[in-house]
Amino acid sequence: MLVLGMLAFLLLYVLSLGPAVRLVQYYPRAGWLFESVYCPLLWLADNTGLGKVLEVYVDLWLPARQAPFVYDVF
């Protein structure tokens, strides 16, 4: 039972990365807390093959990027 609880905690920790990135986008002053809490995941993203997977997951939580504004006279 303890092992299942620990696995659930680790899964929730990894899955909380996306909402945390979005929160920091709106409240940049919380960046220091984000870096402290997610330091192990940031290290894994930089030093293993998990970087691309985490990047794709975090992109799902970010607002859609708008197309650049093009002003057309004609």
C-alpha atoms as a PDB file:
ATOM      1  CA  MET A   1       0.000   0.000   0.000  1.00  0.00           C
ATOM      2  CA  LEU A   2       2.871   2.333   0.815  1.00  0.00           C
ATOM      3  CA  VAL A   3       4.477   1.657  -2.562  1.00  0.00           C
ATOM      4  CA  LEU A   4       1.239   2.496  -4.374  1.00  0.00           C
ATOM      5  CA  GLY A   5       0.997   5.744  -2.424  1.00  0.00           C
ATOM      6  CA  MET A   6       4.553   6.676  -3.339  1.00  0.00           C
ATOM      7  CA  LEU A   7       3.965   5.881  -7.012  1.00  0.00           C
ATOM      8  CA  ALA A   8       0.769   7.939  -6.986  1.00  0.00           C
ATOM      9  CA  PHE A   9       2.657  10.847  -5.403  1.00  0.00           C
ATOM     10  CA  LEU A  10       5.401  10.688  -8.051  1.00  0.00           C
ATOM     11  CA  LEU A  11       2.847  10.533 -10.838  1.00  0.00           C
ATOM     12  CA  LEU A  12       0.962  13.545  -9.467  1.00  0.00           C
ATOM     13  CA  TYR A  13       4.253  15.406  -9.022  1.00  0.00           C
ATOM     14  CA  VAL A  14       5.161  14.929 -12.683  1.00  0.00           C
ATOM     15  CA  LEU A  15       1.631  15.706 -13.898  1.00  0.00           C
ATOM     16  CA  SER A  16       1.522  18.908 -11.829  1.00  0.00           C
ATOM     17  CA  LEU A  17       4.369  20.354 -13.907  1.00  0.00           C
ATOM     18  CA  GLY A  18       1.997  21.551 -16.664  1.00  0.00           C
ATOM     19  CA  PRO A  19      -0.378  23.500 -14.415  1.00  0.00           C
ATOM     20  CA  ALA A  20       2.594  24.917 -12.495  1.00  0.00           C
ATOM     21  CA  VAL A  21       4.173  26.279 -15.679  1.00  0.00           C
ATOM     22  CA  ARG A  22       0.898  27.906 -16.626  1.00  0.00           C
ATOM     23  CA  LEU A  23       0.569  29.417 -13.152  1.00  0.00           C
ATOM     24  CA  VAL A  24       4.085  30.873 -13.329  1.00  0.00           C
ATOM     25  CA  GLN A  25       3.213  32.357 -16.707  1.00  0.00           C
ATOM     26  CA  TYR A  26       0.489  34.434 -15.036  1.00  0.00           C
ATOM     27  CA  TYR A  27       2.360  35.023 -11.751  1.00  0.00           C
ATOM     28  CA  PRO A  28       6.039  35.401 -12.682  1.00  0.00           C
ATOM     29  CA  ARG A  29       7.000  36.266  -9.098  1.00  0.00           C
ATOM     30  CA  ALA A  30       6.326  32.620  -8.215  1.00  0.00           C
ATOM     31  CA  GLY A  31       9.181  31.536 -10.483  1.00  0.00           C
ATOM     32  CA  TRP A  32      11.584  31.012  -7.595  1.00  0.00           C
ATOM     33  CA  LEU A  33       9.131  28.621  -5.945  1.00  0.00           C
ATOM     34  CA  PHE A  34       8.620  26.775  -9.229  1.00  0.00           C
ATOM     35  CA  GLU A  35      12.365  26.316  -9.695  1.00  0.00           C
ATOM     36  CA  SER A  36      12.742  25.065  -6.123  1.00  0.00           C
ATOM     37  CA  VAL A  37       9.880  22.563  -6.259  1.00  0.00           C
ATOM     38  CA  TYR A  38      10.519  21.266  -9.768  1.00  0.00           C
ATOM     39  CA  CYS A  39      14.331  21.281  -9.666  1.00  0.00           C
ATOM     40  CA  PRO A  40      14.546  17.464  -9.997  1.00  0.00           C
ATOM     41  CA  LEU A  41      12.267  17.454 -13.055  1.00  0.00           C
ATOM     42  CA  LEU A  42      14.143  20.348 -14.629  1.00  0.00           C
ATOM     43  CA  TRP A  43      17.398  18.459 -14.121  1.00  0.00           C
ATOM     44  CA  LEU A  44      15.903  15.323 -15.696  1.00  0.00           C
ATOM     45  CA  ALA A  45      14.641  17.377 -18.637  1.00  0.00           C
ATOM     46  CA  ASP A  46      18.107  18.834 -19.236  1.00  0.00           C
ATOM     47  CA  ASN A  47      20.158  15.676 -18.721  1.00  0.00           C
ATOM     48  CA  THR A  48      18.043  12.794 -20.020  1.00  0.00           C
ATOM     49  CA  GLY A  49      15.758  11.987 -22.900  1.00  0.00           C
ATOM     50  CA  LEU A  50      12.719  13.120 -20.912  1.00  0.00           C
ATOM     51  CA  GLY A  51      13.185  16.734 -21.985  1.00  0.00           C
ATOM     52  CA  LYS A  52      11.189  16.442 -25.199  1.00  0.00           C
ATOM     53  CA  VAL A  53       8.397  14.450 -23.517  1.00  0.00           C
ATOM     54  CA  LEU A  54       8.051  17.026 -20.736  1.00  0.00           C
ATOM     55  CA  GLU A  55       8.159  19.852 -23.265  1.00  0.00           C
ATOM     56  CA  VAL A  56       5.283  18.346 -25.245  1.00  0.00           C
ATOM     57  CA  TYR A  57       3.283  17.822 -22.046  1.00  0.00           C
ATOM     58  CA  VAL A  58       3.870  21.381 -20.821  1.00  0.00           C
ATOM     59  CA  ASP A  59       2.850  22.768 -24.233  1.00  0.00           C
ATOM     60  CA  LEU A  60      -0.571  21.190 -23.722  1.00  0.00           C
ATOM     61  CA  TRP A  61      -1.088  23.422 -20.696  1.00  0.00           C
ATOM     62  CA  LEU A  62       0.013  26.675 -22.290  1.00  0.00           C
ATOM     63  CA  PRO A  63      -2.523  28.905 -24.029  1.00  0.00           C
ATOM     64  CA  ALA A  64      -2.670  28.564 -27.792  1.00  0.00           C
ATOM     65  CA  ARG A  65      -0.222  30.800 -29.567  1.00  0.00           C
ATOM     66  CA  GLN A  66      -1.890  33.343 -31.779  1.00  0.00           C
ATOM     67  CA  ALA A  67      -0.832  33.863 -35.350  1.00  0.00           C
ATOM     68  CA  PRO A  68       1.199  37.026 -35.821  1.00  0.00           C
ATOM     69  CA  PHE A  69      -0.863  40.066 -36.715  1.00  0.00           C
ATOM     70  CA  VAL A  70      -0.576  40.962 -40.400  1.00  0.00           C
ATOM     71  CA  TYR A  71      -1.856  44.317 -41.520  1.00  0.00           C
ATOM     72  CA  ASP A  72      -2.973  44.161 -45.120  1.00  0.00           C
ATOM     73  CA  VAL A  73      -4.096  47.370 -46.778  1.00  0.00           C
ATOM     74  CA  PHE A  74      -5.455  45.747 -49.912  1.00  0.00           C
END
